[in-house]
C-alpha cells in the first residue's frame, strides 16, 4: 500500500496487480472451514 509503483491495476509487462486477497476460513475437506452447523466427524483431530 505504501509503494507508489504498486497501485490498483498496475501492470508490470504481462503481470497485473489485480486486487488484495483475504482469507476468512479454511478448507471443508480438511474440516477447518467455518460453518453454522457441526461437522459429523468433528475437528481435524476428532474433537466434538
ModelCIF file with pLDDT and N, C-alpha, C, O atoms, coordinates in Angstrom:
data_MODEL
#
_entry.id   MODEL 
#
_entity.id                         1 
_entity.type                       polymer 
_entity.pdbx_number_of_molecules   1 
#
_entity_poly.entity_id                      1 
_entity_poly.type                           'polypeptide(L)' 
_entity_poly.nstd_linkage                   no 
_entity_poly.nstd_monomer                   no 
_entity_poly.pdbx_seq_one_letter_code       
;(UNK)(UNK)(UNK)(UNK)(UNK)(UNK)(UNK)(UNK)(UNK)(UNK)(UNK)(UNK)(UNK)(UNK)(UNK)(UNK)
(UNK)(UNK)(UNK)(UNK)(UNK)(UNK)(UNK)(UNK)(UNK)(UNK)(UNK)(UNK)(UNK)(UNK)(UNK)(UNK)
(UNK)(UNK)(UNK)(UNK)(UNK)(UNK)(UNK)(UNK)(UNK)(UNK)(UNK)(UNK)(UNK)(UNK)(UNK)(UNK)
;
_entity_poly.pdbx_seq_one_letter_code_can   XXXXXXXXXXXXXXXXXXXXXXXXXXXXXXXXXXXXXXXXXXXXXXXX 
_entity_poly.pdbx_strand_id                 A 
#
loop_
_entity_poly_seq.entity_id 
_entity_poly_seq.num 
_entity_poly_seq.mon_id 
_entity_poly_seq.hetero 
1 1  UNK n 
1 2  UNK n 
1 3  UNK n 
1 4  UNK n 
1 5  UNK n 
1 6  UNK n 
1 7  UNK n 
1 8  UNK n 
1 9  UNK n 
1 10 UNK n 
1 11 UNK n 
1 12 UNK n 
1 13 UNK n 
1 14 UNK n 
1 15 UNK n 
1 16 UNK n 
1 17 UNK n 
1 18 UNK n 
1 19 UNK n 
1 20 UNK n 
1 21 UNK n 
1 22 UNK n 
1 23 UNK n 
1 24 UNK n 
1 25 UNK n 
1 26 UNK n 
1 27 UNK n 
1 28 UNK n 
1 29 UNK n 
1 30 UNK n 
1 31 UNK n 
1 32 UNK n 
1 33 UNK n 
1 34 UNK n 
1 35 UNK n 
1 36 UNK n 
1 37 UNK n 
1 38 UNK n 
1 39 UNK n 
1 40 UNK n 
1 41 UNK n 
1 42 UNK n 
1 43 UNK n 
1 44 UNK n 
1 45 UNK n 
1 46 UNK n 
1 47 UNK n 
1 48 UNK n 
#
_struct_asym.id          A 
_struct_asym.entity_id   1 
#
loop_
_ma_qa_metric.id 
_ma_qa_metric.mode 
_ma_qa_metric.name 
_ma_qa_metric.software_group_id 
_ma_qa_metric.type 
1 global pLDDT . pLDDT 
2 local  pLDDT . pLDDT 
#
_ma_qa_metric_global.metric_id      1 
_ma_qa_metric_global.metric_value   95.48 
_ma_qa_metric_global.model_id       1 
_ma_qa_metric_global.ordinal_id     1 
#
loop_
_ma_qa_metric_local.label_asym_id 
_ma_qa_metric_local.label_comp_id 
_ma_qa_metric_local.label_seq_id 
_ma_qa_metric_local.metric_id 
_ma_qa_metric_local.metric_value 
_ma_qa_metric_local.model_id 
_ma_qa_metric_local.ordinal_id 
A UNK 1  2 95.00 1 1  
A UNK 2  2 94.00 1 2  
A UNK 3  2 95.00 1 3  
A UNK 4  2 95.00 1 4  
A UNK 5  2 94.00 1 5  
A UNK 6  2 96.00 1 6  
A UNK 7  2 97.00 1 7  
A UNK 8  2 97.00 1 8  
A UNK 9  2 97.00 1 9  
A UNK 10 2 98.00 1 10 
A UNK 11 2 97.00 1 11 
A UNK 12 2 97.00 1 12 
A UNK 13 2 97.00 1 13 
A UNK 14 2 98.00 1 14 
A UNK 15 2 98.00 1 15 
A UNK 16 2 98.00 1 16 
A UNK 17 2 98.00 1 17 
A UNK 18 2 98.00 1 18 
A UNK 19 2 98.00 1 19 
A UNK 20 2 98.00 1 20 
A UNK 21 2 98.00 1 21 
A UNK 22 2 98.00 1 22 
A UNK 23 2 97.00 1 23 
A UNK 24 2 97.00 1 24 
A UNK 25 2 97.00 1 25 
A UNK 26 2 94.00 1 26 
A UNK 27 2 94.00 1 27 
A UNK 28 2 96.00 1 28 
A UNK 29 2 93.00 1 29 
A UNK 30 2 91.00 1 30 
A UNK 31 2 94.00 1 31 
A UNK 32 2 94.00 1 32 
A UNK 33 2 97.00 1 33 
A UNK 34 2 98.00 1 34 
A UNK 35 2 98.00 1 35 
A UNK 36 2 98.00 1 36 
A UNK 37 2 98.00 1 37 
A UNK 38 2 98.00 1 38 
A UNK 39 2 98.00 1 39 
A UNK 40 2 97.00 1 40 
A UNK 41 2 95.00 1 41 
A UNK 42 2 96.00 1 42 
A UNK 43 2 92.00 1 43 
A UNK 44 2 88.00 1 44 
A UNK 45 2 82.00 1 45 
A UNK 46 2 86.00 1 46 
A UNK 47 2 89.00 1 47 
A UNK 48 2 95.00 1 48 
#
loop_
_atom_site.group_PDB 
_atom_site.id 
_atom_site.type_symbol 
_atom_site.label_atom_id 
_atom_site.label_alt_id 
_atom_site.label_comp_id 
_atom_site.label_asym_id 
_atom_site.label_entity_id 
_atom_site.label_seq_id 
_atom_site.pdbx_PDB_ins_code 
_atom_site.Cartn_x 
_atom_site.Cartn_y 
_atom_site.Cartn_z 
_atom_site.occupancy 
_atom_site.B_iso_or_equiv 
_atom_site.pdbx_formal_charge 
_atom_site.auth_seq_id 
_atom_site.auth_comp_id 
_atom_site.auth_asym_id 
_atom_site.auth_atom_id 
_atom_site.pdbx_PDB_model_num 
ATOM 1   N N  . UNK A 1 1  ? 0.815   -1.214  0.000   1.00 95.00 ? 1  UNK A N  1 
ATOM 2   C CA . UNK A 1 1  ? 0.000   0.000   0.000   1.00 95.00 ? 1  UNK A CA 1 
ATOM 3   C C  . UNK A 1 1  ? 0.850   1.265   0.000   1.00 95.00 ? 1  UNK A C  1 
ATOM 4   O O  . UNK A 1 1  ? 0.412   2.305   -0.493  1.00 95.00 ? 1  UNK A O  1 
ATOM 5   N N  . UNK A 1 2  ? 2.059   1.184   0.548   1.00 94.00 ? 2  UNK A N  1 
ATOM 6   C CA . UNK A 1 2  ? 2.923   2.364   0.630   1.00 94.00 ? 2  UNK A CA 1 
ATOM 7   C C  . UNK A 1 2  ? 3.856   2.500   -0.561  1.00 94.00 ? 2  UNK A C  1 
ATOM 8   O O  . UNK A 1 2  ? 4.583   3.488   -0.664  1.00 94.00 ? 2  UNK A O  1 
ATOM 9   N N  . UNK A 1 3  ? 3.850   1.512   -1.474  1.00 95.00 ? 3  UNK A N  1 
ATOM 10  C CA . UNK A 1 3  ? 4.747   1.545   -2.632  1.00 95.00 ? 3  UNK A CA 1 
ATOM 11  C C  . UNK A 1 3  ? 4.038   2.267   -3.782  1.00 95.00 ? 3  UNK A C  1 
ATOM 12  O O  . UNK A 1 3  ? 3.032   1.764   -4.282  1.00 95.00 ? 3  UNK A O  1 
ATOM 13  N N  . UNK A 1 4  ? 4.530   3.421   -4.210  1.00 95.00 ? 4  UNK A N  1 
ATOM 14  C CA . UNK A 1 4  ? 3.838   4.182   -5.266  1.00 95.00 ? 4  UNK A CA 1 
ATOM 15  C C  . UNK A 1 4  ? 3.770   3.451   -6.600  1.00 95.00 ? 4  UNK A C  1 
ATOM 16  O O  . UNK A 1 4  ? 2.947   3.793   -7.449  1.00 95.00 ? 4  UNK A O  1 
ATOM 17  N N  . UNK A 1 5  ? 4.629   2.443   -6.799  1.00 94.00 ? 5  UNK A N  1 
ATOM 18  C CA . UNK A 1 5  ? 4.590   1.689   -8.056  1.00 94.00 ? 5  UNK A CA 1 
ATOM 19  C C  . UNK A 1 5  ? 3.506   0.622   -8.038  1.00 94.00 ? 5  UNK A C  1 
ATOM 20  O O  . UNK A 1 5  ? 3.098   0.125   -9.087  1.00 94.00 ? 5  UNK A O  1 
ATOM 21  N N  . UNK A 1 6  ? 3.037   0.270   -6.835  1.00 96.00 ? 6  UNK A N  1 
ATOM 22  C CA . UNK A 1 6  ? 2.069   -0.815  -6.716  1.00 96.00 ? 6  UNK A CA 1 
ATOM 23  C C  . UNK A 1 6  ? 0.696   -0.238  -6.420  1.00 96.00 ? 6  UNK A C  1 
ATOM 24  O O  . UNK A 1 6  ? 0.263   -0.168  -5.270  1.00 96.00 ? 6  UNK A O  1 
ATOM 25  N N  . UNK A 1 7  ? 0.035   0.166   -7.468  1.00 97.00 ? 7  UNK A N  1 
ATOM 26  C CA . UNK A 1 7  ? -1.297  0.748   -7.377  1.00 97.00 ? 7  UNK A CA 1 
ATOM 27  C C  . UNK A 1 7  ? -2.313  -0.226  -7.967  1.00 97.00 ? 7  UNK A C  1 
ATOM 28  O O  . UNK A 1 7  ? -1.932  -1.114  -8.730  1.00 97.00 ? 7  UNK A O  1 
ATOM 29  N N  . UNK A 1 8  ? -3.593  -0.081  -7.634  1.00 97.00 ? 8  UNK A N  1 
ATOM 30  C CA . UNK A 1 8  ? -4.597  -1.000  -8.181  1.00 97.00 ? 8  UNK A CA 1 
ATOM 31  C C  . UNK A 1 8  ? -4.559  -1.049  -9.702  1.00 97.00 ? 8  UNK A C  1 
ATOM 32  O O  . UNK A 1 8  ? -4.655  -0.018  -10.369 1.00 97.00 ? 8  UNK A O  1 
ATOM 33  N N  . UNK A 1 9  ? -4.420  -2.243  -10.239 1.00 97.00 ? 9  UNK A N  1 
ATOM 34  C CA . UNK A 1 9  ? -4.398  -2.420  -11.685 1.00 97.00 ? 9  UNK A CA 1 
ATOM 35  C C  . UNK A 1 9  ? -3.055  -2.156  -12.339 1.00 97.00 ? 9  UNK A C  1 
ATOM 36  O O  . UNK A 1 9  ? -2.951  -2.215  -13.564 1.00 97.00 ? 9  UNK A O  1 
ATOM 37  N N  . UNK A 1 10 ? -2.019  -1.864  -11.554 1.00 98.00 ? 10 UNK A N  1 
ATOM 38  C CA . UNK A 1 10 ? -0.696  -1.588  -12.129 1.00 98.00 ? 10 UNK A CA 1 
ATOM 39  C C  . UNK A 1 10 ? -0.210  -2.806  -12.912 1.00 98.00 ? 10 UNK A C  1 
ATOM 40  O O  . UNK A 1 10 ? -0.439  -3.946  -12.509 1.00 98.00 ? 10 UNK A O  1 
ATOM 41  N N  . UNK A 1 11 ? 0.458   -2.553  -14.028 1.00 97.00 ? 11 UNK A N  1 
ATOM 42  C CA . UNK A 1 11 ? 0.952   -3.623  -14.882 1.00 97.00 ? 11 UNK A CA 1 
ATOM 43  C C  . UNK A 1 11 ? 2.470   -3.580  -14.947 1.00 97.00 ? 11 UNK A C  1 
ATOM 44  O O  . UNK A 1 11 ? 3.082   -2.518  -15.055 1.00 97.00 ? 11 UNK A O  1 
ATOM 45  N N  . UNK A 1 12 ? 3.055   -4.765  -14.878 1.00 97.00 ? 12 UNK A N  1 
ATOM 46  C CA . UNK A 1 12 ? 4.495   -4.955  -14.999 1.00 97.00 ? 12 UNK A CA 1 
ATOM 47  C C  . UNK A 1 12 ? 4.693   -5.954  -16.134 1.00 97.00 ? 12 UNK A C  1 
ATOM 48  O O  . UNK A 1 12 ? 4.761   -7.160  -15.896 1.00 97.00 ? 12 UNK A O  1 
ATOM 49  N N  . UNK A 1 13 ? 4.786   -5.460  -17.361 1.00 97.00 ? 13 UNK A N  1 
ATOM 50  C CA . UNK A 1 13 ? 4.812   -6.357  -18.501 1.00 97.00 ? 13 UNK A CA 1 
ATOM 51  C C  . UNK A 1 13 ? 3.489   -7.104  -18.578 1.00 97.00 ? 13 UNK A C  1 
ATOM 52  O O  . UNK A 1 13 ? 2.428   -6.487  -18.675 1.00 97.00 ? 13 UNK A O  1 
ATOM 53  N N  . UNK A 1 14 ? 3.550   -8.434  -18.535 1.00 98.00 ? 14 UNK A N  1 
ATOM 54  C CA . UNK A 1 14 ? 2.333   -9.246  -18.588 1.00 98.00 ? 14 UNK A CA 1 
ATOM 55  C C  . UNK A 1 14 ? 1.697   -9.462  -17.208 1.00 98.00 ? 14 UNK A C  1 
ATOM 56  O O  . UNK A 1 14 ? 0.690   -10.160 -17.090 1.00 98.00 ? 14 UNK A O  1 
ATOM 57  N N  . UNK A 1 15 ? 2.274   -8.873  -16.187 1.00 98.00 ? 15 UNK A N  1 
ATOM 58  C CA . UNK A 1 15 ? 1.774   -9.038  -14.823 1.00 98.00 ? 15 UNK A CA 1 
ATOM 59  C C  . UNK A 1 15 ? 0.869   -7.869  -14.457 1.00 98.00 ? 15 UNK A C  1 
ATOM 60  O O  . UNK A 1 15 ? 1.191   -6.712  -14.730 1.00 98.00 ? 15 UNK A O  1 
ATOM 61  N N  . UNK A 1 16 ? -0.266  -8.181  -13.837 1.00 98.00 ? 16 UNK A N  1 
ATOM 62  C CA . UNK A 1 16 ? -1.198  -7.153  -13.379 1.00 98.00 ? 16 UNK A CA 1 
ATOM 63  C C  . UNK A 1 16 ? -1.470  -7.334  -11.892 1.00 98.00 ? 16 UNK A C  1 
ATOM 64  O O  . UNK A 1 16 ? -1.744  -8.446  -11.438 1.00 98.00 ? 16 UNK A O  1 
ATOM 65  N N  . UNK A 1 17 ? -1.396  -6.247  -11.135 1.00 98.00 ? 17 UNK A N  1 
ATOM 66  C CA . UNK A 1 17 ? -1.824  -6.269  -9.739  1.00 98.00 ? 17 UNK A CA 1 
ATOM 67  C C  . UNK A 1 17 ? -3.343  -6.125  -9.731  1.00 98.00 ? 17 UNK A C  1 
ATOM 68  O O  . UNK A 1 17 ? -3.877  -5.039  -9.954  1.00 98.00 ? 17 UNK A O  1 
ATOM 69  N N  . UNK A 1 18 ? -4.029  -7.241  -9.471  1.00 98.00 ? 18 UNK A N  1 
ATOM 70  C CA . UNK A 1 18 ? -5.470  -7.259  -9.659  1.00 98.00 ? 18 UNK A CA 1 
ATOM 71  C C  . UNK A 1 18 ? -6.244  -6.808  -8.426  1.00 98.00 ? 18 UNK A C  1 
ATOM 72  O O  . UNK A 1 18 ? -7.184  -6.023  -8.544  1.00 98.00 ? 18 UNK A O  1 
ATOM 73  N N  . UNK A 1 19 ? -5.864  -7.291  -7.247  1.00 98.00 ? 19 UNK A N  1 
ATOM 74  C CA . UNK A 1 19 ? -6.615  -6.956  -6.045  1.00 98.00 ? 19 UNK A CA 1 
ATOM 75  C C  . UNK A 1 19 ? -5.915  -7.504  -4.826  1.00 98.00 ? 19 UNK A C  1 
ATOM 76  O O  . UNK A 1 19 ? -4.818  -8.054  -4.919  1.00 98.00 ? 19 UNK A O  1 
ATOM 77  N N  . UNK A 1 20 ? -6.554  -7.353  -3.682  1.00 98.00 ? 20 UNK A N  1 
ATOM 78  C CA . UNK A 1 20 ? -5.990  -7.815  -2.420  1.00 98.00 ? 20 UNK A CA 1 
ATOM 79  C C  . UNK A 1 20 ? -6.783  -9.017  -1.927  1.00 98.00 ? 20 UNK A C  1 
ATOM 80  O O  . UNK A 1 20 ? -8.014  -9.008  -1.947  1.00 98.00 ? 20 UNK A O  1 
ATOM 81  N N  . UNK A 1 21 ? -6.069  -10.057 -1.480  1.00 98.00 ? 21 UNK A N  1 
ATOM 82  C CA . UNK A 1 21 ? -6.682  -11.319 -1.072  1.00 98.00 ? 21 UNK A CA 1 
ATOM 83  C C  . UNK A 1 21 ? -6.784  -11.410 0.451   1.00 98.00 ? 21 UNK A C  1 
ATOM 84  O O  . UNK A 1 21 ? -5.809  -11.184 1.169   1.00 98.00 ? 21 UNK A O  1 
ATOM 85  N N  . UNK A 1 22 ? -7.996  -11.749 0.931   1.00 98.00 ? 22 UNK A N  1 
ATOM 86  C CA . UNK A 1 22 ? -8.255  -12.002 2.344   1.00 98.00 ? 22 UNK A CA 1 
ATOM 87  C C  . UNK A 1 22 ? -8.674  -13.465 2.506   1.00 98.00 ? 22 UNK A C  1 
ATOM 88  O O  . UNK A 1 22 ? -9.270  -14.055 1.606   1.00 98.00 ? 22 UNK A O  1 
ATOM 89  N N  . UNK A 1 23 ? -8.357  -14.029 3.653   1.00 97.00 ? 23 UNK A N  1 
ATOM 90  C CA . UNK A 1 23 ? -8.806  -15.383 3.976   1.00 97.00 ? 23 UNK A CA 1 
ATOM 91  C C  . UNK A 1 23 ? -9.612  -15.339 5.264   1.00 97.00 ? 23 UNK A C  1 
ATOM 92  O O  . UNK A 1 23 ? -9.144  -14.826 6.280   1.00 97.00 ? 23 UNK A O  1 
ATOM 93  N N  . UNK A 1 24 ? -10.838 -15.884 5.219   1.00 97.00 ? 24 UNK A N  1 
ATOM 94  C CA . UNK A 1 24 ? -11.710 -15.865 6.391   1.00 97.00 ? 24 UNK A CA 1 
ATOM 95  C C  . UNK A 1 24 ? -11.809 -17.213 7.084   1.00 97.00 ? 24 UNK A C  1 
ATOM 96  O O  . UNK A 1 24 ? -12.029 -17.267 8.294   1.00 97.00 ? 24 UNK A O  1 
ATOM 97  N N  . UNK A 1 25 ? -11.653 -18.299 6.343   1.00 97.00 ? 25 UNK A N  1 
ATOM 98  C CA . UNK A 1 25 ? -11.731 -19.617 6.972   1.00 97.00 ? 25 UNK A CA 1 
ATOM 99  C C  . UNK A 1 25 ? -10.807 -20.582 6.240   1.00 97.00 ? 25 UNK A C  1 
ATOM 100 O O  . UNK A 1 25 ? -9.976  -20.179 5.426   1.00 97.00 ? 25 UNK A O  1 
ATOM 101 N N  . UNK A 1 26 ? -10.973 -21.867 6.548   1.00 94.00 ? 26 UNK A N  1 
ATOM 102 C CA . UNK A 1 26 ? -10.085 -22.860 5.984   1.00 94.00 ? 26 UNK A CA 1 
ATOM 103 C C  . UNK A 1 26 ? -10.722 -23.683 4.890   1.00 94.00 ? 26 UNK A C  1 
ATOM 104 O O  . UNK A 1 26 ? -11.386 -23.160 3.995   1.00 94.00 ? 26 UNK A O  1 
ATOM 105 N N  . UNK A 1 27 ? -10.504 -24.998 4.982   1.00 94.00 ? 27 UNK A N  1 
ATOM 106 C CA . UNK A 1 27 ? -10.874 -25.926 3.924   1.00 94.00 ? 27 UNK A CA 1 
ATOM 107 C C  . UNK A 1 27 ? -11.929 -26.904 4.420   1.00 94.00 ? 27 UNK A C  1 
ATOM 108 O O  . UNK A 1 27 ? -11.769 -27.467 5.503   1.00 94.00 ? 27 UNK A O  1 
ATOM 109 N N  . UNK A 1 28 ? -13.006 -27.127 3.662   1.00 96.00 ? 28 UNK A N  1 
ATOM 110 C CA . UNK A 1 28 ? -14.020 -28.087 4.120   1.00 96.00 ? 28 UNK A CA 1 
ATOM 111 C C  . UNK A 1 28 ? -13.518 -29.524 4.129   1.00 96.00 ? 28 UNK A C  1 
ATOM 112 O O  . UNK A 1 28 ? -13.902 -30.300 5.004   1.00 96.00 ? 28 UNK A O  1 
ATOM 113 N N  . UNK A 1 29 ? -12.663 -29.899 3.168   1.00 93.00 ? 29 UNK A N  1 
ATOM 114 C CA . UNK A 1 29 ? -12.153 -31.273 3.170   1.00 93.00 ? 29 UNK A CA 1 
ATOM 115 C C  . UNK A 1 29 ? -11.150 -31.494 4.296   1.00 93.00 ? 29 UNK A C  1 
ATOM 116 O O  . UNK A 1 29 ? -10.928 -32.629 4.717   1.00 93.00 ? 29 UNK A O  1 
ATOM 117 N N  . UNK A 1 30 ? -10.541 -30.409 4.787   1.00 91.00 ? 30 UNK A N  1 
ATOM 118 C CA . UNK A 1 30 ? -9.640  -30.516 5.931   1.00 91.00 ? 30 UNK A CA 1 
ATOM 119 C C  . UNK A 1 30 ? -10.379 -30.295 7.254   1.00 91.00 ? 30 UNK A C  1 
ATOM 120 O O  . UNK A 1 30 ? -9.788  -30.407 8.328   1.00 91.00 ? 30 UNK A O  1 
ATOM 121 N N  . UNK A 1 31 ? -11.665 -29.983 7.170   1.00 94.00 ? 31 UNK A N  1 
ATOM 122 C CA . UNK A 1 31 ? -12.530 -29.731 8.323   1.00 94.00 ? 31 UNK A CA 1 
ATOM 123 C C  . UNK A 1 31 ? -12.078 -28.507 9.124   1.00 94.00 ? 31 UNK A C  1 
ATOM 124 O O  . UNK A 1 31 ? -12.145 -28.486 10.353  1.00 94.00 ? 31 UNK A O  1 
ATOM 125 N N  . UNK A 1 32 ? -11.616 -27.485 8.389   1.00 94.00 ? 32 UNK A N  1 
ATOM 126 C CA . UNK A 1 32 ? -11.279 -26.216 9.035   1.00 94.00 ? 32 UNK A CA 1 
ATOM 127 C C  . UNK A 1 32 ? -12.103 -25.056 8.485   1.00 94.00 ? 32 UNK A C  1 
ATOM 128 O O  . UNK A 1 32 ? -11.940 -23.925 8.943   1.00 94.00 ? 32 UNK A O  1 
ATOM 129 N N  . UNK A 1 33 ? -12.988 -25.304 7.510   1.00 97.00 ? 33 UNK A N  1 
ATOM 130 C CA . UNK A 1 33 ? -13.890 -24.258 7.034   1.00 97.00 ? 33 UNK A CA 1 
ATOM 131 C C  . UNK A 1 33 ? -14.900 -23.935 8.130   1.00 97.00 ? 33 UNK A C  1 
ATOM 132 O O  . UNK A 1 33 ? -15.199 -24.782 8.972   1.00 97.00 ? 33 UNK A O  1 
ATOM 133 N N  . UNK A 1 34 ? -15.419 -22.723 8.120   1.00 98.00 ? 34 UNK A N  1 
ATOM 134 C CA . UNK A 1 34 ? -16.266 -22.194 9.196   1.00 98.00 ? 34 UNK A CA 1 
ATOM 135 C C  . UNK A 1 34 ? -17.736 -22.302 8.805   1.00 98.00 ? 34 UNK A C  1 
ATOM 136 O O  . UNK A 1 34 ? -18.181 -21.685 7.837   1.00 98.00 ? 34 UNK A O  1 
ATOM 137 N N  . UNK A 1 35 ? -18.485 -23.097 9.572   1.00 98.00 ? 35 UNK A N  1 
ATOM 138 C CA . UNK A 1 35 ? -19.888 -23.379 9.270   1.00 98.00 ? 35 UNK A CA 1 
ATOM 139 C C  . UNK A 1 35 ? -20.800 -22.928 10.415  1.00 98.00 ? 35 UNK A C  1 
ATOM 140 O O  . UNK A 1 35 ? -20.347 -22.662 11.529  1.00 98.00 ? 35 UNK A O  1 
ATOM 141 N N  . UNK A 1 36 ? -22.087 -22.852 10.107  1.00 98.00 ? 36 UNK A N  1 
ATOM 142 C CA . UNK A 1 36 ? -23.100 -22.637 11.145  1.00 98.00 ? 36 UNK A CA 1 
ATOM 143 C C  . UNK A 1 36 ? -23.611 -23.969 11.683  1.00 98.00 ? 36 UNK A C  1 
ATOM 144 O O  . UNK A 1 36 ? -24.432 -23.980 12.600  1.00 98.00 ? 36 UNK A O  1 
ATOM 145 N N  . UNK A 1 37 ? -23.155 -25.069 11.145  1.00 98.00 ? 37 UNK A N  1 
ATOM 146 C CA . UNK A 1 37 ? -23.530 -26.408 11.602  1.00 98.00 ? 37 UNK A CA 1 
ATOM 147 C C  . UNK A 1 37 ? -22.261 -27.194 11.919  1.00 98.00 ? 37 UNK A C  1 
ATOM 148 O O  . UNK A 1 37 ? -21.172 -26.827 11.479  1.00 98.00 ? 37 UNK A O  1 
ATOM 149 N N  . UNK A 1 38 ? -22.402 -28.266 12.676  1.00 98.00 ? 38 UNK A N  1 
ATOM 150 C CA . UNK A 1 38 ? -21.244 -29.056 13.093  1.00 98.00 ? 38 UNK A CA 1 
ATOM 151 C C  . UNK A 1 38 ? -20.832 -30.074 12.032  1.00 98.00 ? 38 UNK A C  1 
ATOM 152 O O  . UNK A 1 38 ? -21.659 -30.571 11.268  1.00 98.00 ? 38 UNK A O  1 
ATOM 153 N N  . UNK A 1 39 ? -19.541 -30.367 12.007  1.00 98.00 ? 39 UNK A N  1 
ATOM 154 C CA . UNK A 1 39 ? -19.013 -31.479 11.218  1.00 98.00 ? 39 UNK A CA 1 
ATOM 155 C C  . UNK A 1 39 ? -19.361 -32.781 11.943  1.00 98.00 ? 39 UNK A C  1 
ATOM 156 O O  . UNK A 1 39 ? -19.149 -32.898 13.150  1.00 98.00 ? 39 UNK A O  1 
ATOM 157 N N  . UNK A 1 40 ? -19.888 -33.747 11.215  1.00 97.00 ? 40 UNK A N  1 
ATOM 158 C CA . UNK A 1 40 ? -20.197 -35.042 11.838  1.00 97.00 ? 40 UNK A CA 1 
ATOM 159 C C  . UNK A 1 40 ? -18.939 -35.735 12.339  1.00 97.00 ? 40 UNK A C  1 
ATOM 160 O O  . UNK A 1 40 ? -18.980 -36.449 13.341  1.00 97.00 ? 40 UNK A O  1 
ATOM 161 N N  . UNK A 1 41 ? -17.800 -35.526 11.636  1.00 95.00 ? 41 UNK A N  1 
ATOM 162 C CA . UNK A 1 41 ? -16.549 -36.169 12.030  1.00 95.00 ? 41 UNK A CA 1 
ATOM 163 C C  . UNK A 1 41 ? -15.752 -35.350 13.036  1.00 95.00 ? 41 UNK A C  1 
ATOM 164 O O  . UNK A 1 41 ? -14.693 -35.781 13.493  1.00 95.00 ? 41 UNK A O  1 
ATOM 165 N N  . UNK A 1 42 ? -16.259 -34.175 13.382  1.00 96.00 ? 42 UNK A N  1 
ATOM 166 C CA . UNK A 1 42 ? -15.561 -33.344 14.347  1.00 96.00 ? 42 UNK A CA 1 
ATOM 167 C C  . UNK A 1 42 ? -14.395 -32.588 13.741  1.00 96.00 ? 42 UNK A C  1 
ATOM 168 O O  . UNK A 1 42 ? -14.310 -32.416 12.525  1.00 96.00 ? 42 UNK A O  1 
ATOM 169 N N  . UNK A 1 43 ? -13.499 -32.140 14.607  1.00 92.00 ? 43 UNK A N  1 
ATOM 170 C CA . UNK A 1 43 ? -12.351 -31.345 14.189  1.00 92.00 ? 43 UNK A CA 1 
ATOM 171 C C  . UNK A 1 43 ? -11.314 -32.227 13.485  1.00 92.00 ? 43 UNK A C  1 
ATOM 172 O O  . UNK A 1 43 ? -11.496 -33.442 13.418  1.00 92.00 ? 43 UNK A O  1 
ATOM 173 N N  . UNK A 1 44 ? -10.228 -31.640 12.956  1.00 88.00 ? 44 UNK A N  1 
ATOM 174 C CA . UNK A 1 44 ? -9.204  -32.461 12.303  1.00 88.00 ? 44 UNK A CA 1 
ATOM 175 C C  . UNK A 1 44 ? -8.633  -33.558 13.202  1.00 88.00 ? 44 UNK A C  1 
ATOM 176 O O  . UNK A 1 44 ? -8.150  -34.576 12.706  1.00 88.00 ? 44 UNK A O  1 
ATOM 177 N N  . UNK A 1 45 ? -8.686  -33.354 14.528  1.00 82.00 ? 45 UNK A N  1 
ATOM 178 C CA . UNK A 1 45 ? -8.219  -34.404 15.425  1.00 82.00 ? 45 UNK A CA 1 
ATOM 179 C C  . UNK A 1 45 ? -9.369  -35.135 16.109  1.00 82.00 ? 45 UNK A C  1 
ATOM 180 O O  . UNK A 1 45 ? -9.170  -35.831 17.104  1.00 82.00 ? 45 UNK A O  1 
ATOM 181 N N  . UNK A 1 46 ? -10.600 -34.966 15.554  1.00 86.00 ? 46 UNK A N  1 
ATOM 182 C CA . UNK A 1 46 ? -11.734 -35.755 16.025  1.00 86.00 ? 46 UNK A CA 1 
ATOM 183 C C  . UNK A 1 46 ? -12.476 -35.209 17.229  1.00 86.00 ? 46 UNK A C  1 
ATOM 184 O O  . UNK A 1 46 ? -13.267 -35.935 17.832  1.00 86.00 ? 46 UNK A O  1 
ATOM 185 N N  . UNK A 1 47 ? -12.250 -33.954 17.602  1.00 89.00 ? 47 UNK A N  1 
ATOM 186 C CA . UNK A 1 47 ? -12.942 -33.378 18.747  1.00 89.00 ? 47 UNK A CA 1 
ATOM 187 C C  . UNK A 1 47 ? -14.359 -32.945 18.359  1.00 89.00 ? 47 UNK A C  1 
ATOM 188 O O  . UNK A 1 47 ? -14.596 -32.476 17.245  1.00 89.00 ? 47 UNK A O  1 
ATOM 189 N N  . UNK A 1 48 ? -15.299 -33.112 19.304  1.00 95.00 ? 48 UNK A N  1 
ATOM 190 C CA . UNK A 1 48 ? -16.688 -32.726 19.093  1.00 95.00 ? 48 UNK A CA 1 
ATOM 191 C C  . UNK A 1 48 ? -17.139 -31.825 20.235  1.00 95.00 ? 48 UNK A C  1 
ATOM 192 O O  . UNK A 1 48 ? -18.288 -31.382 20.255  1.00 95.00 ? 48 UNK A O  1 
#
